[in-house]
């Protein structure tokens, strides 16, 4: 009876460990970022609302993310001076530097391959939004019925913010603030400790049964 209870406890621990390591649900979408010095900051407004100033650097990244806290940042360190070096200033217009990161093959919709990441300098009217700046240099854009930006430069061809199974993110593709944890591979410390406790208790119980016999 004791042995059976211990086996059931061990099975429960293993099931819990498997559930903890299951892939989390995420969403495949274009995230929107603003450059603050050398850092990318997740934008608090959407590209159809945000109105960058002359000299700003804006970024977009296509990826599968659970939420803004773990969203993948645009890659590349080029600043405004480098991106807009060949686009001279013009009276009555503003220049916005854009970093367009189409993501990695692991995050691409089935049957599609992401184009290479690129930068562009949009010269637009002073009151233009980021969406208008993107439209000036990365057509065609595609939106859904709720005005969610679904595609930039025609990528992806279909889909828009759909829920998908979250794949493990390669080391080079993780957000800068993300740290590797015990869940990145192998059994967790809690699982090992739990199994050890079961083994010890099991040995003690069997010893007690034999002693009484």
N, C-alpha and C. Protein backbone atom coordinates (compact mmCIF):
# COMPACT_ATOMS: atom_id res chain seq x y z
N UNK A 1 0.83 -1.21 0.00
CA UNK A 1 0.00 0.00 0.00
C UNK A 1 0.87 1.26 0.00
N UNK A 2 1.90 1.21 0.86
CA UNK A 2 2.81 2.37 0.94
C UNK A 2 3.55 2.55 -0.38
N UNK A 3 4.01 1.41 -0.92
CA UNK A 3 4.75 1.48 -2.19
C UNK A 3 3.88 2.05 -3.30
N UNK A 4 2.62 1.66 -3.35
CA UNK A 4 1.71 2.17 -4.38
C UNK A 4 1.52 3.68 -4.25
N UNK A 5 1.37 4.18 -3.02
CA UNK A 5 1.20 5.63 -2.80
C UNK A 5 2.42 6.40 -3.25
N UNK A 6 3.59 5.83 -2.97
CA UNK A 6 4.84 6.51 -3.38
C UNK A 6 4.96 6.56 -4.90
N UNK A 7 4.56 5.47 -5.56
CA UNK A 7 4.62 5.46 -7.02
C UNK A 7 3.67 6.49 -7.61
N UNK A 8 2.49 6.64 -7.02
CA UNK A 8 1.53 7.64 -7.50
C UNK A 8 2.08 9.04 -7.31
N UNK A 9 2.77 9.29 -6.19
CA UNK A 9 3.36 10.60 -5.94
C UNK A 9 4.44 10.91 -6.94
N UNK A 10 5.28 9.91 -7.24
CA UNK A 10 6.34 10.10 -8.22
C UNK A 10 5.77 10.40 -9.59
N UNK A 11 4.72 9.69 -9.98
CA UNK A 11 4.08 9.93 -11.28
C UNK A 11 3.52 11.34 -11.36
N UNK A 12 2.95 11.83 -10.27
CA UNK A 12 2.41 13.19 -10.25
C UNK A 12 3.51 14.22 -10.44
N UNK A 13 4.66 14.00 -9.81
CA UNK A 13 5.79 14.93 -9.96
C UNK A 13 6.26 14.97 -11.41
N UNK A 14 6.35 13.81 -12.03
CA UNK A 14 6.80 13.77 -13.42
C UNK A 14 5.81 14.45 -14.35
N UNK A 15 4.52 14.27 -14.09
CA UNK A 15 3.50 14.94 -14.92
C UNK A 15 3.58 16.44 -14.77
N UNK A 16 3.78 16.92 -13.56
CA UNK A 16 3.90 18.36 -13.33
C UNK A 16 5.12 18.92 -14.03
N UNK A 17 6.21 18.15 -14.02
CA UNK A 17 7.42 18.62 -14.70
C UNK A 17 7.18 18.73 -16.18
N UNK A 18 6.48 17.74 -16.76
CA UNK A 18 6.19 17.79 -18.19
C UNK A 18 5.32 18.96 -18.55
N UNK A 19 4.34 19.26 -17.69
CA UNK A 19 3.44 20.40 -17.96
C UNK A 19 4.21 21.70 -17.90
N UNK A 20 5.16 21.80 -16.99
CA UNK A 20 5.93 23.05 -16.86
C UNK A 20 6.82 23.31 -18.04
N UNK A 21 7.24 22.21 -18.73
CA UNK A 21 8.13 22.37 -19.86
C UNK A 21 7.38 22.42 -21.19
N UNK A 22 6.06 22.36 -21.14
CA UNK A 22 5.28 22.41 -22.38
C UNK A 22 5.42 23.78 -23.03
N UNK A 23 5.26 23.80 -24.34
CA UNK A 23 5.38 25.05 -25.06
C UNK A 23 4.22 25.98 -24.71
N UNK A 24 4.55 27.23 -24.49
CA UNK A 24 3.54 28.22 -24.14
C UNK A 24 2.91 28.77 -25.41
N UNK A 25 1.71 29.27 -25.28
CA UNK A 25 1.02 29.86 -26.43
C UNK A 25 1.53 31.27 -26.65
N UNK A 26 1.75 31.63 -27.91
CA UNK A 26 2.19 32.98 -28.24
C UNK A 26 1.39 33.49 -29.43
N UNK A 27 1.75 34.67 -29.89
CA UNK A 27 1.06 35.28 -31.03
C UNK A 27 2.10 35.72 -32.05
N UNK A 28 1.81 35.49 -33.32
CA UNK A 28 2.71 35.88 -34.39
C UNK A 28 2.27 37.25 -34.91
N UNK A 29 3.11 38.25 -34.71
CA UNK A 29 2.71 39.61 -35.10
C UNK A 29 3.93 40.53 -35.24
N UNK A 30 3.66 41.71 -35.79
CA UNK A 30 4.68 42.76 -35.89
C UNK A 30 4.63 43.60 -34.60
N UNK A 31 5.74 43.63 -33.88
CA UNK A 31 5.83 44.49 -32.70
C UNK A 31 6.49 45.81 -33.10
N UNK A 32 6.19 46.85 -32.36
CA UNK A 32 6.61 48.21 -32.71
C UNK A 32 7.49 48.77 -31.59
N UNK A 33 8.64 49.33 -31.98
CA UNK A 33 9.65 49.77 -31.03
C UNK A 33 10.14 51.18 -31.32
N UNK A 34 10.67 51.83 -30.28
CA UNK A 34 11.28 53.15 -30.42
C UNK A 34 12.70 53.07 -29.86
N UNK A 35 13.64 53.74 -30.54
CA UNK A 35 15.03 53.72 -30.08
C UNK A 35 15.23 54.83 -29.06
N UNK A 36 15.76 54.44 -27.90
CA UNK A 36 16.11 55.40 -26.84
C UNK A 36 17.60 55.25 -26.59
N UNK A 37 18.38 56.11 -27.23
CA UNK A 37 19.83 55.95 -27.15
C UNK A 37 20.26 54.69 -27.87
N UNK A 38 20.86 53.75 -27.12
CA UNK A 38 21.28 52.48 -27.70
C UNK A 38 20.28 51.37 -27.45
N UNK A 39 19.17 51.69 -26.77
CA UNK A 39 18.22 50.67 -26.37
C UNK A 39 16.91 50.75 -27.16
N UNK A 40 16.31 49.59 -27.40
CA UNK A 40 14.98 49.53 -27.99
C UNK A 40 13.94 49.48 -26.87
N UNK A 41 12.94 50.31 -26.97
CA UNK A 41 11.86 50.36 -25.97
C UNK A 41 10.55 50.04 -26.68
N UNK A 42 9.78 49.12 -26.08
CA UNK A 42 8.49 48.75 -26.67
C UNK A 42 7.58 49.96 -26.70
N UNK A 43 7.04 50.28 -27.85
CA UNK A 43 6.23 51.49 -28.02
C UNK A 43 4.91 51.39 -27.26
N UNK A 44 4.51 52.50 -26.71
CA UNK A 44 3.24 52.54 -25.97
C UNK A 44 2.07 52.89 -26.87
N UNK A 45 2.35 53.30 -28.10
CA UNK A 45 1.31 53.59 -29.09
C UNK A 45 1.55 52.76 -30.33
N UNK A 46 0.51 52.49 -31.07
CA UNK A 46 0.65 51.76 -32.32
C UNK A 46 1.21 52.65 -33.41
N UNK A 47 1.74 52.06 -34.49
CA UNK A 47 2.34 52.85 -35.57
C UNK A 47 1.36 53.76 -36.29
N UNK A 48 0.07 53.44 -36.23
CA UNK A 48 -0.92 54.29 -36.90
C UNK A 48 -1.27 55.52 -36.06
N UNK A 49 -0.78 55.56 -34.81
CA UNK A 49 -1.06 56.68 -33.91
C UNK A 49 0.20 57.48 -33.60
N UNK A 50 1.32 56.78 -33.43
CA UNK A 50 2.58 57.44 -33.05
C UNK A 50 3.03 58.41 -34.15
N UNK A 51 3.49 59.58 -33.72
CA UNK A 51 3.97 60.60 -34.67
C UNK A 51 5.42 60.95 -34.29
N UNK A 52 6.38 60.24 -34.87
CA UNK A 52 7.78 60.49 -34.53
C UNK A 52 8.25 61.87 -34.96
N UNK A 53 9.29 62.34 -34.29
CA UNK A 53 9.87 63.63 -34.64
C UNK A 53 11.00 63.44 -35.64
N UNK A 54 11.41 64.51 -36.25
CA UNK A 54 12.55 64.48 -37.17
C UNK A 54 13.77 63.98 -36.40
N UNK A 55 14.46 62.97 -36.95
CA UNK A 55 15.63 62.42 -36.28
C UNK A 55 15.37 61.20 -35.43
N UNK A 56 14.11 60.78 -35.28
CA UNK A 56 13.80 59.61 -34.48
C UNK A 56 14.13 58.32 -35.23
N UNK A 57 14.37 57.27 -34.44
CA UNK A 57 14.59 55.93 -34.99
C UNK A 57 13.47 55.04 -34.49
N UNK A 58 12.75 54.41 -35.40
CA UNK A 58 11.65 53.51 -35.07
C UNK A 58 11.98 52.12 -35.62
N UNK A 59 11.48 51.08 -34.93
CA UNK A 59 11.76 49.73 -35.38
C UNK A 59 10.52 48.86 -35.33
N UNK A 60 10.47 47.87 -36.21
CA UNK A 60 9.40 46.87 -36.20
C UNK A 60 10.05 45.50 -36.31
N UNK A 61 9.46 44.53 -35.63
CA UNK A 61 10.02 43.16 -35.62
C UNK A 61 8.89 42.15 -35.73
N UNK A 62 9.04 41.21 -36.65
CA UNK A 62 8.05 40.15 -36.81
C UNK A 62 8.53 38.92 -36.05
N UNK A 63 7.71 38.43 -35.12
CA UNK A 63 8.13 37.29 -34.31
C UNK A 63 6.92 36.70 -33.60
N UNK A 64 7.14 35.55 -32.98
CA UNK A 64 6.13 34.93 -32.11
C UNK A 64 6.49 35.32 -30.68
N UNK A 65 5.57 35.97 -30.00
CA UNK A 65 5.81 36.42 -28.64
C UNK A 65 4.58 36.17 -27.78
N UNK A 66 4.82 35.91 -26.49
CA UNK A 66 3.70 35.73 -25.57
C UNK A 66 3.09 37.08 -25.20
N UNK A 67 3.95 38.08 -25.01
CA UNK A 67 3.49 39.43 -24.66
C UNK A 67 4.65 40.40 -24.86
N UNK A 68 4.42 41.67 -24.54
CA UNK A 68 5.45 42.68 -24.76
C UNK A 68 6.69 42.46 -23.90
N UNK A 69 6.52 41.76 -22.76
CA UNK A 69 7.66 41.55 -21.86
C UNK A 69 8.72 40.65 -22.47
N UNK A 70 8.32 39.70 -23.34
CA UNK A 70 9.30 38.80 -23.92
C UNK A 70 9.40 38.96 -25.43
N UNK A 71 8.85 40.05 -25.97
CA UNK A 71 8.89 40.28 -27.41
C UNK A 71 10.33 40.47 -27.89
N UNK A 72 10.63 39.92 -29.07
CA UNK A 72 11.96 40.04 -29.65
C UNK A 72 12.17 41.44 -30.22
N UNK A 73 13.31 42.03 -29.90
CA UNK A 73 13.62 43.38 -30.38
C UNK A 73 14.16 43.35 -31.81
N UNK A 74 14.04 44.47 -32.52
CA UNK A 74 14.68 44.56 -33.83
C UNK A 74 16.19 44.40 -33.68
N UNK A 75 16.81 43.74 -34.64
CA UNK A 75 18.26 43.55 -34.59
C UNK A 75 18.96 44.63 -35.40
N UNK A 76 20.20 44.90 -35.06
CA UNK A 76 20.96 45.93 -35.75
C UNK A 76 21.15 47.15 -34.89
N UNK A 77 22.32 47.79 -35.02
CA UNK A 77 22.65 48.93 -34.17
C UNK A 77 22.77 50.25 -34.92
N UNK A 78 22.41 50.25 -36.20
CA UNK A 78 22.53 51.48 -36.99
C UNK A 78 21.65 52.58 -36.41
N UNK A 79 22.19 53.78 -36.30
CA UNK A 79 21.45 54.92 -35.77
C UNK A 79 20.94 55.82 -36.88
N UNK A 80 20.37 56.95 -36.49
CA UNK A 80 19.77 57.86 -37.46
C UNK A 80 20.80 58.35 -38.48
N UNK A 81 21.98 58.74 -38.02
CA UNK A 81 22.99 59.29 -38.92
C UNK A 81 23.36 58.30 -40.03
N UNK A 82 23.49 57.04 -39.68
CA UNK A 82 23.87 56.04 -40.67
C UNK A 82 22.71 55.71 -41.60
N UNK A 83 21.51 55.57 -41.03
CA UNK A 83 20.36 55.17 -41.84
C UNK A 83 19.94 56.27 -42.82
N UNK A 84 20.02 57.51 -42.37
CA UNK A 84 19.57 58.63 -43.21
C UNK A 84 20.71 59.41 -43.85
N UNK A 85 21.88 58.80 -43.92
CA UNK A 85 23.05 59.49 -44.47
C UNK A 85 22.84 59.92 -45.93
N UNK A 86 22.10 59.13 -46.69
CA UNK A 86 21.92 59.43 -48.12
C UNK A 86 20.57 60.08 -48.41
N UNK A 87 19.88 60.50 -47.35
CA UNK A 87 18.59 61.19 -47.52
C UNK A 87 18.72 62.58 -46.91
N UNK A 88 19.03 63.58 -47.72
CA UNK A 88 19.26 64.93 -47.18
C UNK A 88 18.00 65.55 -46.60
N UNK A 89 18.19 66.42 -45.65
CA UNK A 89 17.06 67.13 -45.03
C UNK A 89 16.39 68.01 -46.08
N UNK A 90 15.12 68.29 -45.85
CA UNK A 90 14.35 69.11 -46.80
C UNK A 90 13.36 69.96 -46.03
N UNK A 91 13.26 71.23 -46.40
CA UNK A 91 12.33 72.12 -45.71
C UNK A 91 10.90 71.60 -45.80
N UNK A 92 10.20 71.70 -44.68
CA UNK A 92 8.82 71.26 -44.65
C UNK A 92 8.63 69.76 -44.60
N UNK A 93 9.72 69.00 -44.39
CA UNK A 93 9.63 67.55 -44.29
C UNK A 93 10.44 67.08 -43.07
N UNK A 94 10.12 65.90 -42.57
CA UNK A 94 10.92 65.32 -41.50
C UNK A 94 11.47 63.98 -41.97
N UNK A 95 12.57 63.58 -41.35
CA UNK A 95 13.16 62.28 -41.68
C UNK A 95 13.04 61.34 -40.48
N UNK A 96 12.58 60.13 -40.76
CA UNK A 96 12.42 59.12 -39.72
C UNK A 96 13.21 57.88 -40.15
N UNK A 97 14.13 57.44 -39.30
CA UNK A 97 14.91 56.25 -39.59
C UNK A 97 14.13 55.02 -39.16
N UNK A 98 14.05 54.03 -40.04
CA UNK A 98 13.26 52.82 -39.76
C UNK A 98 14.14 51.58 -39.84
N UNK A 99 13.99 50.71 -38.85
CA UNK A 99 14.64 49.41 -38.86
C UNK A 99 13.53 48.37 -39.01
N UNK A 100 13.56 47.63 -40.10
CA UNK A 100 12.51 46.66 -40.42
C UNK A 100 13.11 45.27 -40.35
N UNK A 101 12.75 44.53 -39.30
CA UNK A 101 13.29 43.20 -39.06
C UNK A 101 12.19 42.16 -39.30
N UNK A 102 12.35 41.37 -40.36
CA UNK A 102 11.32 40.40 -40.74
C UNK A 102 11.39 39.11 -39.93
N UNK A 103 12.30 39.04 -38.97
CA UNK A 103 12.35 37.90 -38.08
C UNK A 103 13.14 36.73 -38.62
N UNK A 104 12.98 35.57 -37.97
CA UNK A 104 13.73 34.37 -38.29
C UNK A 104 12.82 33.31 -38.92
N UNK A 105 13.40 32.34 -39.63
CA UNK A 105 12.59 31.29 -40.24
C UNK A 105 11.75 30.51 -39.22
N UNK A 106 12.24 30.38 -37.98
CA UNK A 106 11.50 29.62 -36.97
C UNK A 106 10.19 30.30 -36.59
N UNK A 107 10.08 31.60 -36.84
CA UNK A 107 8.86 32.33 -36.51
C UNK A 107 8.00 32.64 -37.74
N UNK A 108 8.46 32.21 -38.90
CA UNK A 108 7.72 32.50 -40.13
C UNK A 108 6.50 31.60 -40.26
N UNK A 109 5.44 32.10 -40.88
CA UNK A 109 4.28 31.24 -41.15
C UNK A 109 4.68 30.09 -42.06
N UNK A 110 3.95 29.00 -41.99
CA UNK A 110 4.26 27.83 -42.79
C UNK A 110 4.28 28.18 -44.28
N UNK A 111 5.34 27.75 -44.96
CA UNK A 111 5.47 27.99 -46.39
C UNK A 111 6.06 29.33 -46.76
N UNK A 112 6.46 30.13 -45.78
CA UNK A 112 7.04 31.45 -46.07
C UNK A 112 8.43 31.57 -45.47
N UNK A 113 9.24 32.41 -46.09
CA UNK A 113 10.59 32.69 -45.60
C UNK A 113 10.73 34.19 -45.40
N UNK A 114 11.28 34.62 -44.28
CA UNK A 114 11.39 36.06 -44.03
C UNK A 114 12.43 36.73 -44.92
N UNK A 115 12.13 37.89 -45.47
CA UNK A 115 13.15 38.64 -46.20
C UNK A 115 14.25 39.09 -45.25
N UNK A 116 15.36 39.52 -45.80
CA UNK A 116 16.46 40.01 -44.98
C UNK A 116 16.04 41.32 -44.30
N UNK A 117 16.50 41.50 -43.08
CA UNK A 117 16.22 42.75 -42.37
C UNK A 117 16.82 43.91 -43.13
N UNK A 118 16.19 45.08 -43.01
CA UNK A 118 16.71 46.23 -43.73
C UNK A 118 16.39 47.51 -42.98
N UNK A 119 17.06 48.57 -43.38
CA UNK A 119 16.80 49.89 -42.82
C UNK A 119 16.36 50.81 -43.95
N UNK A 120 15.66 51.87 -43.59
CA UNK A 120 15.20 52.84 -44.59
C UNK A 120 15.01 54.19 -43.92
N UNK A 121 15.17 55.23 -44.69
CA UNK A 121 14.95 56.59 -44.20
C UNK A 121 13.74 57.17 -44.92
N UNK A 122 12.69 57.41 -44.15
CA UNK A 122 11.46 57.95 -44.73
C UNK A 122 11.44 59.47 -44.57
N UNK A 123 11.25 60.16 -45.66
CA UNK A 123 11.12 61.62 -45.63
C UNK A 123 9.65 61.94 -45.87
N UNK A 124 9.00 62.38 -44.82
CA UNK A 124 7.54 62.53 -44.84
C UNK A 124 7.14 63.89 -44.29
N UNK A 125 5.83 64.16 -44.32
CA UNK A 125 5.31 65.42 -43.80
C UNK A 125 5.52 65.49 -42.29
N UNK A 126 5.60 66.70 -41.72
CA UNK A 126 5.88 66.85 -40.28
C UNK A 126 4.89 66.16 -39.36
N UNK A 127 3.64 65.98 -39.79
CA UNK A 127 2.64 65.36 -38.92
C UNK A 127 2.40 63.89 -39.26
N UNK A 128 3.26 63.29 -40.06
CA UNK A 128 3.09 61.90 -40.48
C UNK A 128 3.26 60.93 -39.31
N UNK A 129 2.51 59.85 -39.34
CA UNK A 129 2.63 58.80 -38.34
C UNK A 129 3.72 57.81 -38.77
N UNK A 130 4.06 56.91 -37.87
CA UNK A 130 5.03 55.87 -38.21
C UNK A 130 4.49 54.98 -39.32
N UNK A 131 3.19 54.71 -39.30
CA UNK A 131 2.58 53.88 -40.35
C UNK A 131 2.74 54.56 -41.71
N UNK A 132 2.59 55.87 -41.74
CA UNK A 132 2.76 56.59 -43.00
C UNK A 132 4.22 56.58 -43.45
N UNK A 133 5.13 56.63 -42.49
CA UNK A 133 6.55 56.54 -42.82
C UNK A 133 6.87 55.16 -43.40
N UNK A 134 6.30 54.11 -42.79
CA UNK A 134 6.50 52.76 -43.32
C UNK A 134 5.92 52.63 -44.72
N UNK A 135 4.76 53.20 -44.93
CA UNK A 135 4.12 53.12 -46.25
C UNK A 135 4.96 53.81 -47.32
N UNK A 136 5.75 54.79 -46.91
CA UNK A 136 6.57 55.53 -47.87
C UNK A 136 7.77 54.73 -48.35
N UNK A 137 8.21 53.74 -47.53
CA UNK A 137 9.44 53.02 -47.89
C UNK A 137 9.29 51.50 -47.92
N UNK A 138 8.16 50.96 -47.45
CA UNK A 138 8.03 49.50 -47.34
C UNK A 138 6.66 49.01 -47.75
N UNK A 139 6.13 49.49 -48.86
CA UNK A 139 4.85 49.01 -49.37
C UNK A 139 5.02 47.60 -49.93
N UNK A 140 3.92 46.81 -49.98
CA UNK A 140 2.59 47.15 -49.47
C UNK A 140 2.43 46.79 -47.99
N UNK A 141 1.64 47.60 -47.30
CA UNK A 141 1.24 47.29 -45.93
C UNK A 141 -0.13 46.62 -45.98
N UNK A 142 -0.37 45.74 -45.02
CA UNK A 142 -1.68 45.07 -44.95
C UNK A 142 -2.22 45.18 -43.53
N UNK A 143 -3.50 45.53 -43.42
CA UNK A 143 -4.16 45.69 -42.13
C UNK A 143 -5.36 44.75 -42.05
N UNK A 144 -5.78 44.43 -40.81
CA UNK A 144 -7.02 43.67 -40.66
C UNK A 144 -8.17 44.64 -40.43
N UNK A 145 -9.35 44.11 -40.16
CA UNK A 145 -10.52 44.96 -40.01
C UNK A 145 -10.48 45.83 -38.75
N UNK A 146 -9.57 45.49 -37.81
CA UNK A 146 -9.42 46.29 -36.59
C UNK A 146 -8.24 47.24 -36.67
N UNK A 147 -7.73 47.46 -37.88
CA UNK A 147 -6.61 48.37 -38.14
C UNK A 147 -5.31 47.87 -37.53
N UNK A 148 -5.20 46.55 -37.29
CA UNK A 148 -3.95 45.97 -36.82
C UNK A 148 -3.03 45.77 -38.01
N UNK A 149 -1.78 46.23 -37.88
CA UNK A 149 -0.81 46.08 -38.96
C UNK A 149 -0.41 44.61 -39.08
N UNK A 150 -0.72 43.99 -40.22
CA UNK A 150 -0.52 42.56 -40.40
C UNK A 150 0.71 42.23 -41.24
N UNK A 151 1.04 43.09 -42.21
CA UNK A 151 2.15 42.79 -43.11
C UNK A 151 2.86 44.07 -43.51
N UNK A 152 4.17 43.97 -43.64
CA UNK A 152 5.01 45.07 -44.11
C UNK A 152 5.78 44.57 -45.31
N UNK A 153 5.80 45.35 -46.38
CA UNK A 153 6.43 44.95 -47.64
C UNK A 153 5.89 43.59 -48.10
N UNK A 154 4.61 43.37 -47.83
CA UNK A 154 3.96 42.15 -48.28
C UNK A 154 4.25 40.91 -47.46
N UNK A 155 4.95 41.07 -46.35
CA UNK A 155 5.28 39.91 -45.50
C UNK A 155 4.64 40.05 -44.13
N UNK A 156 3.98 38.98 -43.68
CA UNK A 156 3.70 37.73 -44.40
C UNK A 156 2.53 37.89 -45.36
N UNK A 157 2.37 36.91 -46.23
CA UNK A 157 1.32 37.01 -47.24
C UNK A 157 -0.07 36.87 -46.63
N UNK A 158 -0.16 36.11 -45.54
CA UNK A 158 -1.46 35.91 -44.89
C UNK A 158 -1.27 35.79 -43.38
N UNK A 159 -2.39 35.80 -42.68
CA UNK A 159 -2.33 35.71 -41.22
C UNK A 159 -2.20 37.09 -40.60
N UNK A 160 -2.64 37.17 -39.33
CA UNK A 160 -2.55 38.45 -38.63
C UNK A 160 -2.75 38.25 -37.14
N UNK A 161 -1.66 38.23 -36.40
CA UNK A 161 -1.74 38.12 -34.95
C UNK A 161 -2.33 36.81 -34.47
N UNK A 162 -2.18 35.74 -35.26
CA UNK A 162 -2.78 34.47 -34.87
C UNK A 162 -2.01 33.82 -33.71
N UNK A 163 -2.75 33.04 -32.93
CA UNK A 163 -2.14 32.34 -31.81
C UNK A 163 -1.45 31.08 -32.31
N UNK A 164 -0.23 30.88 -31.86
CA UNK A 164 0.54 29.72 -32.28
C UNK A 164 1.28 29.15 -31.08
N UNK A 165 1.82 27.95 -31.23
CA UNK A 165 2.62 27.35 -30.18
C UNK A 165 3.96 28.04 -30.13
N UNK A 166 4.35 28.50 -28.96
CA UNK A 166 5.60 29.25 -28.79
C UNK A 166 6.78 28.31 -28.89
N UNK A 167 7.65 28.55 -29.84
CA UNK A 167 8.86 27.75 -29.97
C UNK A 167 9.95 28.31 -29.08
N UNK A 168 10.90 27.45 -28.71
CA UNK A 168 12.02 27.94 -27.91
C UNK A 168 12.81 28.94 -28.72
N UNK A 169 13.19 30.03 -28.10
CA UNK A 169 13.91 31.10 -28.78
C UNK A 169 15.40 30.84 -28.75
N UNK A 170 16.08 30.83 -29.90
CA UNK A 170 17.53 30.65 -29.90
C UNK A 170 18.20 31.73 -29.05
N UNK A 171 19.39 31.42 -28.57
CA UNK A 171 20.09 32.35 -27.68
C UNK A 171 20.26 33.73 -28.31
N UNK A 172 20.62 33.78 -29.62
CA UNK A 172 20.89 35.08 -30.24
C UNK A 172 19.62 35.86 -30.51
N UNK A 173 18.48 35.19 -30.38
CA UNK A 173 17.22 35.81 -30.74
C UNK A 173 16.42 36.23 -29.52
N UNK A 174 16.96 36.03 -28.32
CA UNK A 174 16.24 36.36 -27.10
C UNK A 174 16.28 37.86 -26.83
N UNK A 175 15.26 38.36 -26.12
CA UNK A 175 15.33 39.75 -25.69
C UNK A 175 16.58 39.98 -24.85
N UNK A 176 17.12 41.19 -24.90
CA UNK A 176 18.37 41.48 -24.22
C UNK A 176 18.27 41.26 -22.72
N UNK A 177 17.08 41.45 -22.14
CA UNK A 177 16.93 41.33 -20.69
C UNK A 177 16.65 39.91 -20.25
N UNK A 178 16.49 38.99 -21.21
CA UNK A 178 16.11 37.64 -20.85
C UNK A 178 17.32 36.87 -20.36
N UNK A 179 17.19 36.16 -19.29
CA UNK A 179 18.26 35.36 -18.72
C UNK A 179 17.93 33.89 -18.93
N UNK A 180 18.97 33.08 -19.14
CA UNK A 180 18.77 31.65 -19.25
C UNK A 180 18.42 31.09 -17.87
N UNK A 181 17.39 30.26 -17.80
CA UNK A 181 16.94 29.70 -16.54
C UNK A 181 17.01 28.19 -16.58
N UNK A 182 16.70 27.58 -15.47
CA UNK A 182 16.76 26.13 -15.38
C UNK A 182 15.77 25.46 -16.32
N UNK A 183 14.73 26.19 -16.75
CA UNK A 183 13.72 25.60 -17.63
C UNK A 183 14.21 25.51 -19.06
N UNK A 184 15.42 26.03 -19.36
CA UNK A 184 15.92 26.00 -20.73
C UNK A 184 16.36 24.61 -21.15
N UNK A 185 16.40 23.67 -20.27
CA UNK A 185 16.79 22.34 -20.67
C UNK A 185 17.06 21.48 -19.46
N UNK A 186 16.65 20.19 -19.51
CA UNK A 186 16.89 19.29 -18.40
C UNK A 186 15.87 19.47 -17.30
N UNK A 187 15.87 18.56 -16.33
CA UNK A 187 14.89 18.63 -15.24
C UNK A 187 15.17 19.80 -14.34
N UNK A 188 14.12 20.38 -13.78
CA UNK A 188 14.29 21.49 -12.88
C UNK A 188 14.82 21.02 -11.54
N UNK A 189 15.39 21.96 -10.77
CA UNK A 189 15.90 21.64 -9.44
C UNK A 189 14.78 21.14 -8.55
N UNK A 190 13.58 21.72 -8.69
CA UNK A 190 12.45 21.29 -7.89
C UNK A 190 12.07 19.85 -8.17
N UNK A 191 12.11 19.47 -9.45
CA UNK A 191 11.78 18.09 -9.80
C UNK A 191 12.79 17.12 -9.22
N UNK A 192 14.09 17.45 -9.35
CA UNK A 192 15.14 16.58 -8.83
C UNK A 192 14.99 16.40 -7.34
N UNK A 193 14.72 17.52 -6.64
CA UNK A 193 14.55 17.46 -5.19
C UNK A 193 13.33 16.62 -4.83
N UNK A 194 12.23 16.78 -5.58
CA UNK A 194 11.02 16.02 -5.31
C UNK A 194 11.23 14.54 -5.49
N UNK A 195 11.91 14.16 -6.58
CA UNK A 195 12.19 12.75 -6.82
C UNK A 195 13.08 12.19 -5.72
N UNK A 196 14.08 12.98 -5.28
CA UNK A 196 14.98 12.54 -4.22
C UNK A 196 14.21 12.27 -2.94
N UNK A 197 13.25 13.15 -2.63
CA UNK A 197 12.43 12.96 -1.42
C UNK A 197 11.63 11.68 -1.53
N UNK A 198 11.04 11.42 -2.70
CA UNK A 198 10.26 10.20 -2.89
C UNK A 198 11.12 8.97 -2.70
N UNK A 199 12.34 9.00 -3.26
CA UNK A 199 13.25 7.86 -3.15
C UNK A 199 13.60 7.60 -1.69
N UNK A 200 13.92 8.68 -0.94
CA UNK A 200 14.28 8.53 0.47
C UNK A 200 13.11 7.98 1.27
N UNK A 201 11.91 8.56 1.05
CA UNK A 201 10.74 8.08 1.77
C UNK A 201 10.41 6.64 1.42
N UNK A 202 10.59 6.31 0.15
CA UNK A 202 10.32 4.95 -0.28
C UNK A 202 11.25 3.96 0.39
N UNK A 203 12.52 4.31 0.46
CA UNK A 203 13.49 3.43 1.12
C UNK A 203 13.16 3.25 2.58
N UNK A 204 12.79 4.36 3.24
CA UNK A 204 12.45 4.29 4.66
C UNK A 204 11.21 3.44 4.89
N UNK A 205 10.22 3.59 4.04
CA UNK A 205 8.98 2.83 4.20
C UNK A 205 9.22 1.34 4.01
N UNK A 206 10.00 1.00 2.99
CA UNK A 206 10.29 -0.41 2.73
C UNK A 206 11.07 -1.02 3.90
N UNK A 207 12.02 -0.21 4.45
CA UNK A 207 12.81 -0.69 5.59
C UNK A 207 11.93 -0.96 6.79
N UNK A 208 10.93 -0.06 7.01
CA UNK A 208 10.02 -0.23 8.14
C UNK A 208 9.19 -1.50 7.97
N UNK A 209 8.71 -1.74 6.74
CA UNK A 209 7.89 -2.93 6.48
C UNK A 209 8.70 -4.20 6.73
N UNK A 210 9.95 -4.22 6.26
CA UNK A 210 10.80 -5.39 6.46
C UNK A 210 11.12 -5.61 7.92
N UNK A 211 11.31 -4.48 8.67
CA UNK A 211 11.64 -4.58 10.09
C UNK A 211 10.49 -5.21 10.87
N UNK A 212 9.25 -4.76 10.50
CA UNK A 212 8.08 -5.30 11.20
C UNK A 212 7.87 -6.78 10.87
N UNK A 213 8.25 -7.15 9.63
CA UNK A 213 8.06 -8.54 9.25
C UNK A 213 9.07 -9.44 9.94
